[in-house]
Amino acid sequence: MSNEKTDTNAVNPELVKEIMPDMPDLTKLYDLSDFFKVMGDSTRIRLLWALEEADLCVNDLAALLDMTKSAVSHQLKILRTAKLVKALKQGKNVYYSLTDGHVKTILKMALDHVNE
């Protein structure tokens, strides 16, 4: 099996042919890469971990993580853009929470992996 784009020949062409249909679309892989870039920041991981415990406002997150409100807000904007957290206005405060259970699952699985 020849690949004209990279000018390589597969050593196991039958295996390559078998795996090829299971490969995600390239656009999805770029999205996955972007996801891991967002998750690759320790401050954002700390924010996500805190939000895994409870819905919190910027003031509470800043106090919990010993950060400025401005820094917390900046990171929350990135997490919202990545659809990892959502916001709900309650009175004068905006409370943040994880978008869904997938985020919590990913965090827990990653921690389990690190703890092995």
C-alpha atoms as a PDB file:
ATOM      1  CA  MET A   1       0.000   0.000   0.000  1.00  0.00           C
ATOM      2  CA  SER A   2       1.578   3.258  -1.118  1.00  0.00           C
ATOM      3  CA  ASN A   3       0.880   6.656   0.395  1.00  0.00           C
ATOM      4  CA  GLU A   4       1.690   9.348  -2.165  1.00  0.00           C
ATOM      5  CA  LYS A   5       1.484  12.166   0.408  1.00  0.00           C
ATOM      6  CA  THR A   6       4.384  10.810   2.491  1.00  0.00           C
ATOM      7  CA  ASP A   7       5.944   8.495  -0.080  1.00  0.00           C
ATOM      8  CA  THR A   8       5.941   5.539   2.322  1.00  0.00           C
ATOM      9  CA  ASN A   9       5.041   1.916   1.926  1.00  0.00           C
ATOM     10  CA  ALA A  10       3.270   0.047   4.685  1.00  0.00           C
ATOM     11  CA  VAL A  11       5.126  -2.921   6.127  1.00  0.00           C
ATOM     12  CA  ASN A  12       1.761  -4.486   7.068  1.00  0.00           C
ATOM     13  CA  PRO A  13      -0.635  -3.225   4.385  1.00  0.00           C
ATOM     14  CA  GLU A  14      -3.499  -5.502   5.478  1.00  0.00           C
ATOM     15  CA  LEU A  15      -3.281  -4.197   9.046  1.00  0.00           C
ATOM     16  CA  VAL A  16      -3.163  -0.608   7.816  1.00  0.00           C
ATOM     17  CA  LYS A  17      -6.218  -1.263   5.644  1.00  0.00           C
ATOM     18  CA  GLU A  18      -8.041  -2.771   8.639  1.00  0.00           C
ATOM     19  CA  ILE A  19      -7.263   0.159  10.946  1.00  0.00           C
ATOM     20  CA  MET A  20      -7.902   2.949   8.416  1.00  0.00           C
ATOM     21  CA  PRO A  21     -11.745   2.989   8.720  1.00  0.00           C
ATOM     22  CA  ASP A  22     -11.497   3.330  12.509  1.00  0.00           C
ATOM     23  CA  MET A  23      -9.328   6.444  12.354  1.00  0.00           C
ATOM     24  CA  PRO A  24     -11.285   9.561  13.369  1.00  0.00           C
ATOM     25  CA  ASP A  25     -11.750  12.360  10.882  1.00  0.00           C
ATOM     26  CA  LEU A  26      -8.733  14.685  10.813  1.00  0.00           C
ATOM     27  CA  THR A  27     -10.879  17.636  11.898  1.00  0.00           C
ATOM     28  CA  LYS A  28     -11.972  15.708  15.000  1.00  0.00           C
ATOM     29  CA  LEU A  29      -8.345  14.888  15.801  1.00  0.00           C
ATOM     30  CA  TYR A  30      -7.465  18.600  15.594  1.00  0.00           C
ATOM     31  CA  ASP A  31     -10.363  19.321  17.967  1.00  0.00           C
ATOM     32  CA  LEU A  32      -9.047  16.638  20.316  1.00  0.00           C
ATOM     33  CA  SER A  33      -5.596  18.189  20.188  1.00  0.00           C
ATOM     34  CA  ASP A  34      -7.074  21.591  21.065  1.00  0.00           C
ATOM     35  CA  PHE A  35      -8.952  19.979  23.960  1.00  0.00           C
ATOM     36  CA  PHE A  36      -5.720  18.608  25.389  1.00  0.00           C
ATOM     37  CA  LYS A  37      -4.026  21.997  24.971  1.00  0.00           C
ATOM     38  CA  VAL A  38      -6.742  23.533  27.152  1.00  0.00           C
ATOM     39  CA  MET A  39      -6.460  20.680  29.654  1.00  0.00           C
ATOM     40  CA  GLY A  40      -2.658  20.975  29.616  1.00  0.00           C
ATOM     41  CA  ASP A  41      -2.573  23.980  31.943  1.00  0.00           C
ATOM     42  CA  SER A  42      -2.216  23.333  35.681  1.00  0.00           C
ATOM     43  CA  THR A  43      -4.264  26.408  36.630  1.00  0.00           C
ATOM     44  CA  ARG A  44      -7.169  25.281  34.478  1.00  0.00           C
ATOM     45  CA  ILE A  45      -6.909  21.769  35.926  1.00  0.00           C
ATOM     46  CA  ARG A  46      -7.128  23.253  39.429  1.00  0.00           C
ATOM     47  CA  LEU A  47     -10.209  25.249  38.419  1.00  0.00           C
ATOM     48  CA  LEU A  48     -11.848  22.196  36.878  1.00  0.00           C
ATOM     49  CA  TRP A  49     -11.072  20.134  39.956  1.00  0.00           C
ATOM     50  CA  ALA A  50     -12.620  22.757  42.228  1.00  0.00           C
ATOM     51  CA  LEU A  51     -15.708  22.927  40.015  1.00  0.00           C
ATOM     52  CA  GLU A  52     -15.939  19.152  40.116  1.00  0.00           C
ATOM     53  CA  GLU A  53     -16.555  19.545  43.850  1.00  0.00           C
ATOM     54  CA  ALA A  54     -19.117  22.383  43.712  1.00  0.00           C
ATOM     55  CA  ASP A  55     -20.545  25.227  41.638  1.00  0.00           C
ATOM     56  CA  LEU A  56     -18.479  28.286  42.530  1.00  0.00           C
ATOM     57  CA  CYS A  57     -18.315  31.989  41.713  1.00  0.00           C
ATOM     58  CA  VAL A  58     -15.155  33.838  40.695  1.00  0.00           C
ATOM     59  CA  ASN A  59     -14.610  35.228  44.216  1.00  0.00           C
ATOM     60  CA  ASP A  60     -14.818  31.780  45.785  1.00  0.00           C
ATOM     61  CA  LEU A  61     -12.527  30.262  43.154  1.00  0.00           C
ATOM     62  CA  ALA A  62     -10.001  33.068  43.629  1.00  0.00           C
ATOM     63  CA  ALA A  63      -9.998  32.541  47.406  1.00  0.00           C
ATOM     64  CA  LEU A  64      -9.817  28.750  47.104  1.00  0.00           C
ATOM     65  CA  LEU A  65      -6.945  28.755  44.619  1.00  0.00           C
ATOM     66  CA  ASP A  66      -5.163  31.871  45.984  1.00  0.00           C
ATOM     67  CA  MET A  67      -5.456  33.677  42.665  1.00  0.00           C
ATOM     68  CA  THR A  68      -6.651  37.094  41.569  1.00  0.00           C
ATOM     69  CA  LYS A  69     -10.229  37.409  40.354  1.00  0.00           C
ATOM     70  CA  SER A  70      -8.871  38.668  37.038  1.00  0.00           C
ATOM     71  CA  ALA A  71      -6.702  35.570  36.564  1.00  0.00           C
ATOM     72  CA  VAL A  72      -9.602  33.276  37.457  1.00  0.00           C
ATOM     73  CA  SER A  73     -11.929  35.080  35.053  1.00  0.00           C
ATOM     74  CA  HIS A  74      -9.383  34.827  32.250  1.00  0.00           C
ATOM     75  CA  GLN A  75      -8.999  31.068  32.719  1.00  0.00           C
ATOM     76  CA  LEU A  76     -12.752  30.558  33.044  1.00  0.00           C
ATOM     77  CA  LYS A  77     -13.234  32.311  29.710  1.00  0.00           C
ATOM     78  CA  ILE A  78     -10.880  29.801  28.087  1.00  0.00           C
ATOM     79  CA  LEU A  79     -12.705  26.903  29.763  1.00  0.00           C
ATOM     80  CA  ARG A  80     -16.080  28.270  28.651  1.00  0.00           C
ATOM     81  CA  THR A  81     -14.863  28.671  25.070  1.00  0.00           C
ATOM     82  CA  ALA A  82     -13.714  25.039  25.175  1.00  0.00           C
ATOM     83  CA  LYS A  83     -17.170  24.090  26.501  1.00  0.00           C
ATOM     84  CA  LEU A  84     -15.720  22.564  29.668  1.00  0.00           C
ATOM     85  CA  VAL A  85     -17.549  24.875  32.070  1.00  0.00           C
ATOM     86  CA  LYS A  86     -20.850  26.711  31.994  1.00  0.00           C
ATOM     87  CA  ALA A  87     -22.078  29.789  33.845  1.00  0.00           C
ATOM     88  CA  LEU A  88     -25.339  30.492  35.631  1.00  0.00           C
ATOM     89  CA  LYS A  89     -26.185  33.953  36.929  1.00  0.00           C
ATOM     90  CA  GLN A  90     -27.756  33.975  40.387  1.00  0.00           C
ATOM     91  CA  GLY A  91     -28.481  37.466  41.655  1.00  0.00           C
ATOM     92  CA  LYS A  92     -25.285  39.497  41.435  1.00  0.00           C
ATOM     93  CA  ASN A  93     -23.032  36.459  41.145  1.00  0.00           C
ATOM     94  CA  VAL A  94     -22.233  34.121  38.298  1.00  0.00           C
ATOM     95  CA  TYR A  95     -21.692  30.526  39.348  1.00  0.00           C
ATOM     96  CA  TYR A  96     -19.583  28.197  37.267  1.00  0.00           C
ATOM     97  CA  SER A  97     -19.917  24.444  36.953  1.00  0.00           C
ATOM     98  CA  LEU A  98     -18.602  21.651  34.779  1.00  0.00           C
ATOM     99  CA  THR A  99     -20.494  21.370  31.518  1.00  0.00           C
ATOM    100  CA  ASP A 100     -21.223  17.661  31.959  1.00  0.00           C
ATOM    101  CA  GLY A 101     -20.104  14.435  33.566  1.00  0.00           C
ATOM    102  CA  HIS A 102     -17.545  13.772  30.839  1.00  0.00           C
ATOM    103  CA  VAL A 103     -15.220  16.424  32.259  1.00  0.00           C
ATOM    104  CA  LYS A 104     -15.350  14.839  35.714  1.00  0.00           C
ATOM    105  CA  THR A 105     -14.723  11.387  34.223  1.00  0.00           C
ATOM    106  CA  ILE A 106     -11.717  12.616  32.247  1.00  0.00           C
ATOM    107  CA  LEU A 107     -10.230  14.289  35.327  1.00  0.00           C
ATOM    108  CA  LYS A 108     -10.701  11.205  37.491  1.00  0.00           C
ATOM    109  CA  MET A 109      -9.316   8.843  34.834  1.00  0.00           C
ATOM    110  CA  ALA A 110      -6.286  11.077  34.287  1.00  0.00           C
ATOM    111  CA  LEU A 111      -5.604  11.218  38.027  1.00  0.00           C
ATOM    112  CA  ASP A 112      -5.913   7.428  38.258  1.00  0.00           C
ATOM    113  CA  HIS A 113      -3.357   7.152  35.455  1.00  0.00           C
ATOM    114  CA  VAL A 114      -0.968   9.567  37.190  1.00  0.00           C
ATOM    115  CA  ASN A 115      -1.344   7.660  40.473  1.00  0.00           C
ATOM    116  CA  GLU A 116      -0.393   4.296  38.899  1.00  0.00           C
END
